[in-house]
């Protein structure tokens, strides 16, 4: 515990630091936090509200997202 950081959170049971950015700041909003991990040129900047159906809004990225999220179901997070 306490060694995970990034979009997955910190895994230290402290909800106050779950949105820690790569720079070490703590964001209070989901979209501002997500934008700090955005790869420039690859993904659009998220607006103030997340799409209700992200898979519909970013249909071309579904396969990439499923592959990336598969890591969360792997042995590292069990």
N, C-alpha and C. Protein backbone atom coordinates (compact mmCIF):
# COMPACT_ATOMS: atom_id res chain seq x y z
N UNK A 1 0.81 -1.20 0.00
CA UNK A 1 0.00 0.00 0.00
C UNK A 1 0.85 1.26 0.00
N UNK A 2 0.31 2.31 -0.60
CA UNK A 2 1.02 3.57 -0.60
C UNK A 2 2.03 3.73 -1.71
N UNK A 3 2.19 2.73 -2.57
CA UNK A 3 3.16 2.84 -3.65
C UNK A 3 2.52 3.05 -5.01
N UNK A 4 1.20 2.98 -5.08
CA UNK A 4 0.49 3.18 -6.33
C UNK A 4 0.15 4.66 -6.48
N UNK A 5 0.29 5.17 -7.68
CA UNK A 5 -0.03 6.57 -7.92
C UNK A 5 -0.44 6.73 -9.38
N UNK A 6 -1.30 7.66 -9.66
CA UNK A 6 -1.72 7.90 -11.04
C UNK A 6 -3.22 7.84 -11.17
N UNK A 7 -3.69 7.52 -12.35
CA UNK A 7 -5.12 7.48 -12.60
C UNK A 7 -5.83 6.44 -11.74
N UNK A 8 -5.11 5.47 -11.23
CA UNK A 8 -5.70 4.43 -10.38
C UNK A 8 -5.84 4.90 -8.94
N UNK A 9 -5.34 6.04 -8.60
CA UNK A 9 -5.40 6.52 -7.23
C UNK A 9 -4.14 6.14 -6.47
N UNK A 10 -4.17 6.29 -5.17
CA UNK A 10 -2.99 6.04 -4.35
C UNK A 10 -3.06 4.76 -3.53
N UNK A 11 -4.26 4.18 -3.43
CA UNK A 11 -4.45 2.91 -2.72
C UNK A 11 -3.96 2.97 -1.28
N UNK A 12 -4.10 4.12 -0.63
CA UNK A 12 -3.66 4.21 0.76
C UNK A 12 -4.85 4.49 1.70
N UNK A 13 -6.05 4.34 1.19
CA UNK A 13 -7.29 4.51 1.95
C UNK A 13 -7.52 5.95 2.39
N UNK A 14 -6.76 6.89 1.86
CA UNK A 14 -6.94 8.30 2.17
C UNK A 14 -7.61 8.96 0.95
N UNK A 15 -8.89 9.23 1.04
CA UNK A 15 -9.64 9.78 -0.09
C UNK A 15 -9.20 11.19 -0.43
N UNK A 16 -8.49 11.86 0.46
CA UNK A 16 -8.07 13.25 0.23
C UNK A 16 -6.98 13.37 -0.84
N UNK A 17 -6.24 12.30 -1.10
CA UNK A 17 -5.14 12.41 -2.07
C UNK A 17 -5.33 11.52 -3.31
N UNK A 18 -6.54 11.03 -3.54
CA UNK A 18 -6.78 10.16 -4.69
C UNK A 18 -6.55 10.85 -6.02
N UNK A 19 -6.77 12.16 -6.10
CA UNK A 19 -6.60 12.87 -7.35
C UNK A 19 -5.26 13.61 -7.39
N UNK A 20 -4.19 12.94 -6.95
CA UNK A 20 -2.86 13.53 -6.98
C UNK A 20 -2.34 13.53 -8.42
N UNK A 21 -1.91 14.69 -8.90
CA UNK A 21 -1.43 14.85 -10.27
C UNK A 21 0.03 14.43 -10.40
N UNK A 22 0.52 14.29 -11.62
CA UNK A 22 1.94 13.97 -11.81
C UNK A 22 2.87 14.99 -11.14
N UNK A 23 2.40 16.24 -11.00
CA UNK A 23 3.22 17.29 -10.37
C UNK A 23 3.14 17.26 -8.85
N UNK A 24 2.28 16.37 -8.30
CA UNK A 24 2.15 16.27 -6.85
C UNK A 24 1.03 17.12 -6.26
N UNK A 25 0.33 17.87 -7.10
CA UNK A 25 -0.82 18.66 -6.64
C UNK A 25 -2.02 17.73 -6.48
N UNK A 26 -3.02 18.17 -5.74
CA UNK A 26 -4.24 17.38 -5.59
C UNK A 26 -5.38 18.17 -6.21
N UNK A 27 -5.99 17.60 -7.24
CA UNK A 27 -7.14 18.24 -7.89
C UNK A 27 -8.40 17.86 -7.15
N UNK A 28 -9.42 18.71 -7.22
CA UNK A 28 -10.68 18.38 -6.56
C UNK A 28 -11.72 17.87 -7.55
N UNK A 29 -11.50 18.08 -8.84
CA UNK A 29 -12.47 17.64 -9.85
C UNK A 29 -11.91 16.54 -10.73
N UNK A 30 -12.79 15.65 -11.16
CA UNK A 30 -12.39 14.52 -11.99
C UNK A 30 -11.81 14.97 -13.32
N UNK A 31 -12.47 15.91 -14.00
CA UNK A 31 -11.98 16.30 -15.32
C UNK A 31 -10.64 17.02 -15.25
N UNK A 32 -10.45 17.89 -14.28
CA UNK A 32 -9.15 18.57 -14.13
C UNK A 32 -8.06 17.54 -13.85
N UNK A 33 -8.37 16.55 -13.01
CA UNK A 33 -7.41 15.50 -12.69
C UNK A 33 -7.08 14.68 -13.94
N UNK A 34 -8.11 14.26 -14.67
CA UNK A 34 -7.89 13.45 -15.88
C UNK A 34 -7.07 14.22 -16.91
N UNK A 35 -7.31 15.50 -17.05
CA UNK A 35 -6.57 16.30 -18.03
C UNK A 35 -5.08 16.39 -17.71
N UNK A 36 -4.70 16.24 -16.44
CA UNK A 36 -3.26 16.30 -16.10
C UNK A 36 -2.52 15.06 -16.59
N UNK A 37 -3.24 13.97 -16.85
CA UNK A 37 -2.63 12.74 -17.36
C UNK A 37 -2.83 12.57 -18.87
N UNK A 38 -3.44 13.55 -19.50
CA UNK A 38 -3.72 13.48 -20.93
C UNK A 38 -2.43 13.56 -21.73
N UNK A 39 -2.32 12.71 -22.75
CA UNK A 39 -1.18 12.75 -23.65
C UNK A 39 -1.46 13.82 -24.71
N UNK A 40 -0.67 14.89 -24.75
CA UNK A 40 -0.92 15.96 -25.71
C UNK A 40 -0.98 15.42 -27.14
N UNK A 41 -2.01 15.86 -27.85
CA UNK A 41 -2.15 15.44 -29.25
C UNK A 41 -2.91 14.14 -29.42
N UNK A 42 -3.00 13.32 -28.40
CA UNK A 42 -3.68 12.03 -28.53
C UNK A 42 -5.14 12.08 -28.12
N UNK A 43 -5.45 12.86 -27.12
CA UNK A 43 -6.80 12.90 -26.58
C UNK A 43 -7.26 14.35 -26.45
N UNK A 44 -8.54 14.58 -26.69
CA UNK A 44 -9.04 15.95 -26.52
C UNK A 44 -9.08 16.33 -25.04
N UNK A 45 -8.93 17.62 -24.77
CA UNK A 45 -9.05 18.11 -23.40
C UNK A 45 -10.50 17.93 -22.97
N UNK A 46 -10.71 17.36 -21.79
CA UNK A 46 -12.06 17.17 -21.29
C UNK A 46 -12.63 18.49 -20.81
N UNK A 47 -13.91 18.69 -21.05
CA UNK A 47 -14.61 19.89 -20.60
C UNK A 47 -14.98 19.75 -19.14
N UNK A 48 -15.76 20.69 -18.62
CA UNK A 48 -16.11 20.67 -17.20
C UNK A 48 -16.97 19.47 -16.78
N UNK A 49 -17.66 18.85 -17.73
CA UNK A 49 -18.50 17.69 -17.39
C UNK A 49 -18.09 16.51 -18.26
N UNK A 50 -17.95 15.35 -17.63
CA UNK A 50 -17.63 14.15 -18.39
C UNK A 50 -18.83 13.73 -19.22
N UNK A 51 -18.61 13.13 -20.40
CA UNK A 51 -19.74 12.64 -21.18
C UNK A 51 -20.49 11.57 -20.38
N UNK A 52 -21.80 11.53 -20.53
CA UNK A 52 -22.58 10.53 -19.81
C UNK A 52 -22.25 9.13 -20.30
N UNK A 53 -21.97 8.98 -21.56
CA UNK A 53 -21.61 7.69 -22.14
C UNK A 53 -20.25 7.80 -22.82
N UNK A 54 -19.16 7.64 -22.07
CA UNK A 54 -17.83 7.82 -22.66
C UNK A 54 -17.58 6.91 -23.86
N UNK A 55 -18.10 5.69 -23.84
CA UNK A 55 -17.87 4.77 -24.96
C UNK A 55 -18.57 5.27 -26.22
N UNK A 56 -19.67 5.99 -26.06
CA UNK A 56 -20.37 6.55 -27.22
C UNK A 56 -19.60 7.78 -27.72
N UNK A 57 -19.17 8.62 -26.81
CA UNK A 57 -18.50 9.86 -27.19
C UNK A 57 -17.13 9.62 -27.82
N UNK A 58 -16.44 8.57 -27.38
CA UNK A 58 -15.10 8.26 -27.88
C UNK A 58 -15.05 6.85 -28.45
N UNK A 59 -15.99 6.54 -29.34
CA UNK A 59 -16.14 5.18 -29.88
C UNK A 59 -14.85 4.66 -30.51
N UNK A 60 -14.08 5.51 -31.15
CA UNK A 60 -12.84 5.08 -31.79
C UNK A 60 -11.76 4.66 -30.81
N UNK A 61 -11.91 4.97 -29.54
CA UNK A 61 -10.91 4.66 -28.52
C UNK A 61 -11.32 3.48 -27.64
N UNK A 62 -12.46 2.87 -27.90
CA UNK A 62 -12.98 1.81 -27.04
C UNK A 62 -12.01 0.63 -26.92
N UNK A 63 -11.49 0.16 -28.04
CA UNK A 63 -10.58 -0.99 -28.02
C UNK A 63 -9.32 -0.67 -27.22
N UNK A 64 -8.76 0.50 -27.42
CA UNK A 64 -7.56 0.92 -26.67
C UNK A 64 -7.87 1.01 -25.17
N UNK A 65 -9.03 1.59 -24.84
CA UNK A 65 -9.41 1.72 -23.43
C UNK A 65 -9.62 0.36 -22.77
N UNK A 66 -10.26 -0.56 -23.48
CA UNK A 66 -10.48 -1.89 -22.91
C UNK A 66 -9.15 -2.61 -22.67
N UNK A 67 -8.21 -2.47 -23.57
CA UNK A 67 -6.90 -3.10 -23.40
C UNK A 67 -6.16 -2.49 -22.21
N UNK A 68 -6.21 -1.16 -22.09
CA UNK A 68 -5.53 -0.49 -20.98
C UNK A 68 -6.18 -0.85 -19.65
N UNK A 69 -7.49 -0.91 -19.61
CA UNK A 69 -8.20 -1.22 -18.36
C UNK A 69 -8.07 -2.69 -17.98
N UNK A 70 -7.74 -3.54 -18.92
CA UNK A 70 -7.56 -4.96 -18.62
C UNK A 70 -6.46 -5.15 -17.58
N UNK A 71 -5.52 -4.24 -17.55
CA UNK A 71 -4.43 -4.30 -16.56
C UNK A 71 -5.00 -4.28 -15.14
N UNK A 72 -6.07 -3.51 -14.95
CA UNK A 72 -6.68 -3.41 -13.60
C UNK A 72 -7.27 -4.74 -13.13
N UNK A 73 -7.57 -5.61 -14.07
CA UNK A 73 -8.11 -6.92 -13.70
C UNK A 73 -7.02 -7.98 -13.61
N UNK A 74 -5.78 -7.59 -13.85
CA UNK A 74 -4.66 -8.51 -13.83
C UNK A 74 -4.10 -8.75 -12.43
N UNK A 75 -3.08 -9.59 -12.34
CA UNK A 75 -2.51 -9.97 -11.05
C UNK A 75 -1.94 -8.82 -10.23
N UNK A 76 -1.50 -7.74 -10.86
CA UNK A 76 -0.91 -6.62 -10.10
C UNK A 76 -1.93 -5.97 -9.17
N UNK A 77 -3.21 -6.08 -9.49
CA UNK A 77 -4.24 -5.42 -8.68
C UNK A 77 -5.14 -6.41 -7.96
N UNK A 78 -4.71 -7.63 -7.82
CA UNK A 78 -5.51 -8.62 -7.10
C UNK A 78 -5.05 -8.79 -5.68
